[in-house]
Protein backbone atom coordinates (compact mmCIF):
# COMPACT_ATOMS: atom_id res chain seq x y z
CA MET A 1 -43.53 -77.92 70.90
CA GLU A 2 -40.09 -76.82 72.05
CA GLU A 3 -37.83 -75.24 69.39
CA VAL A 4 -34.06 -75.75 69.53
CA LYS A 5 -31.69 -73.74 67.33
CA VAL A 6 -28.67 -75.70 66.10
CA TYR A 7 -25.72 -74.38 64.11
CA LEU A 8 -24.53 -76.36 61.11
CA ASP A 9 -20.79 -76.59 60.47
CA GLU A 10 -19.16 -76.34 57.03
CA LYS A 11 -19.97 -80.04 56.43
CA HIS A 12 -23.67 -79.40 57.17
CA SER A 13 -23.65 -81.48 60.35
CA THR A 14 -24.45 -80.73 63.98
CA HIS A 15 -24.85 -82.39 67.38
CA VAL A 16 -28.33 -82.43 68.90
CA VAL A 17 -28.89 -82.99 72.62
CA CYS A 18 -32.26 -83.99 74.06
CA LYS A 19 -33.05 -81.67 76.96
CA LYS A 20 -35.21 -84.31 78.63
CA CYS A 21 -32.78 -87.27 78.81
CA GLY A 22 -29.42 -85.75 77.76
CA ARG A 23 -28.79 -88.15 74.86
CA SER A 24 -26.90 -86.65 71.95
CA LYS A 25 -26.78 -87.54 68.29
CA GLN A 26 -24.91 -86.17 65.31
CA ILE A 27 -27.09 -85.19 62.37
CA GLU A 28 -25.69 -84.82 58.87
CA LEU A 29 -27.72 -83.09 56.18
CA PRO A 30 -27.18 -83.26 52.43
CA SER A 31 -25.01 -80.32 51.38
CA ALA A 32 -27.14 -79.41 48.38
CA ARG A 33 -30.41 -78.17 49.89
CA HIS A 34 -31.13 -78.68 53.56
CA PRO A 35 -34.40 -77.82 55.32
CA ARG A 36 -34.72 -74.79 57.59
CA SER A 37 -36.33 -76.90 60.30
CA ALA A 38 -37.24 -80.47 61.23
CA VAL A 39 -39.18 -82.30 63.92
CA VAL A 40 -37.10 -84.83 65.87
CA LYS A 41 -38.24 -87.60 68.19
CA CYS A 42 -35.72 -88.87 70.73
CA SER A 43 -35.68 -92.53 71.77
CA CYS A 44 -36.94 -91.39 75.21
CA GLY A 45 -40.16 -90.14 73.53
CA ASN A 46 -39.39 -86.41 73.71
CA THR A 47 -40.34 -84.57 70.50
CA PHE A 48 -38.90 -81.18 69.61
CA SER A 49 -38.36 -78.95 66.63
CA LEU A 50 -34.89 -78.15 65.27
CA ILE A 51 -34.17 -74.82 63.59
CA PHE A 52 -31.05 -75.08 61.42
CA GLU A 53 -28.77 -72.04 61.41
CA THR A 54 -26.04 -71.77 58.78
CA ARG A 55 -24.43 -68.47 59.78
CA ARG A 56 -20.71 -68.56 60.48
CA HIS A 57 -21.04 -66.34 63.54
CA TYR A 58 -23.68 -65.86 66.22
CA ARG A 59 -25.86 -62.84 65.49
CA LYS A 60 -27.30 -60.81 68.37
CA ARG A 61 -30.36 -58.60 68.03
CA ILE A 62 -29.87 -55.11 69.44
CA ASN A 63 -31.51 -51.72 69.22
CA SER A 64 -28.75 -49.12 69.27
CA PHE A 65 -27.76 -46.02 67.37
CA GLY A 66 -24.52 -45.14 65.65
CA LYS A 67 -23.10 -43.19 62.72
CA CYS A 68 -22.32 -44.12 59.14
CA PHE A 69 -19.76 -42.15 57.17
CA ALA A 70 -20.12 -42.53 53.40
CA ALA A 71 -19.15 -40.35 50.47
CA GLY A 72 -21.83 -37.72 49.95
CA ASP A 73 -23.11 -37.76 53.56
CA LYS A 74 -22.74 -34.94 56.07
CA LEU A 75 -19.28 -34.58 57.61
CA ASP A 76 -20.58 -35.60 61.04
CA GLY A 77 -22.09 -38.79 59.56
CA ALA A 78 -25.56 -40.15 59.00
CA LEU A 79 -27.57 -41.56 61.91
CA VAL A 80 -28.16 -45.34 61.80
CA ASN A 81 -30.32 -47.66 63.92
CA ILE A 82 -28.39 -50.91 64.47
CA THR A 83 -30.72 -53.91 64.52
CA ASP A 84 -28.28 -56.81 64.90
CA ILE A 85 -24.56 -57.48 65.15
CA SER A 86 -22.11 -60.37 64.85
CA ARG A 87 -18.33 -60.85 64.96
CA SER A 88 -18.09 -60.21 61.24
CA GLY A 89 -20.64 -57.47 60.62
CA MET A 90 -23.95 -55.84 61.43
CA ARG A 91 -27.31 -54.81 60.00
CA PHE A 92 -28.66 -51.30 60.37
CA ILE A 93 -31.27 -48.91 59.03
CA LYS A 94 -29.87 -45.62 57.75
CA MET A 95 -32.01 -42.81 59.11
CA ASP A 96 -30.75 -40.03 56.83
CA GLY A 97 -28.26 -39.35 54.07
CA ARG A 98 -28.05 -40.91 50.64
CA GLN A 99 -28.78 -44.55 49.74
CA LEU A 100 -25.82 -46.92 49.93
CA GLN A 101 -24.80 -49.39 47.21
CA VAL A 102 -23.58 -53.00 47.46
CA ASN A 103 -19.75 -53.19 47.69
CA GLU A 104 -19.51 -49.55 48.79
CA ARG A 105 -16.85 -48.88 51.43
CA ILE A 106 -17.99 -46.88 54.44
CA ARG A 107 -16.93 -46.17 58.02
CA VAL A 108 -19.18 -46.96 60.98
CA SER A 109 -18.96 -45.74 64.55
CA PHE A 110 -21.17 -46.98 67.39
CA PRO A 111 -21.11 -47.39 71.18
CA LEU A 112 -20.76 -50.90 72.60
CA GLY A 113 -20.75 -51.05 76.38
CA ASN A 114 -18.24 -48.50 77.67
CA ASP A 115 -16.32 -48.44 74.38
CA THR A 116 -16.89 -47.06 70.90
CA ILE A 117 -16.24 -49.18 67.83
CA ASP A 118 -14.97 -47.14 64.89
CA CYS A 119 -14.02 -49.16 61.82
CA ALA A 120 -14.20 -49.51 58.06
CA ALA A 121 -16.93 -51.69 56.57
CA VAL A 122 -18.21 -52.74 53.17
CA VAL A 123 -21.89 -52.94 52.24
CA PHE A 124 -22.68 -56.62 51.76
CA ASN A 125 -26.42 -56.60 51.04
CA LEU A 126 -29.51 -54.42 50.93
CA ARG A 127 -32.87 -55.88 52.00
CA GLY A 128 -35.72 -53.43 52.27
CA ASP A 129 -34.61 -50.71 54.67
CA GLY A 130 -31.91 -52.97 56.17
CA ILE A 131 -28.27 -52.57 55.19
CA GLY A 132 -25.90 -55.45 55.93
CA VAL A 133 -22.21 -54.62 56.27
CA LYS A 134 -19.04 -56.64 56.88
CA PHE A 135 -16.39 -55.21 59.17
CA MET A 136 -12.95 -54.66 57.68
CA ASN A 137 -9.69 -54.52 59.62
CA LEU A 138 -11.04 -54.54 63.19
CA ASP A 139 -8.15 -53.98 65.58
CA GLU A 140 -7.56 -56.41 68.47
CA HIS A 141 -9.18 -54.14 71.06
CA ASN A 142 -12.38 -53.80 69.02
CA LYS A 143 -12.44 -57.58 68.41
CA LYS A 144 -12.29 -58.16 72.17
CA VAL A 145 -14.99 -55.57 72.89
CA LEU A 146 -17.23 -57.11 70.23
CA GLY A 147 -16.55 -60.66 71.44
CA PHE A 148 -17.36 -59.74 75.04
CA PHE A 149 -20.58 -58.01 73.96
CA LEU A 150 -21.71 -61.06 71.99
CA LEU A 151 -21.39 -63.46 74.93
CA PRO A 152 -24.83 -64.94 75.73
């Protein structure tokens, strides 16, 4: 069965388009607890699975390396393996240096295309080895570089 990822807006609604016949329909989910997925049958008979995504920004999986600069790390930074990135932040695995804490302010530097992004970030969450950070104060040039990189 075909899987289609749809992004929910702040009102927990989305438009779904059947790839077979092109019909579209708006779906609204209860705001309390919505399912992660659902099976939908179009009036043309096509059945497909919807995967509901609630992220504010598209997240792209990557496998790249960069540096993390936190208090207590080496002056030249700690090596990180970046696993995914979005307009607002990224997730990485810190390869060396001390453990980071939630709400800790750090600086990250990593190559993106022909440019290097160097910005402040705050640790948002820790899940296993993964460290999720939110970018802080990205300048206009870095926003453009990031936006261009995230194009599908």
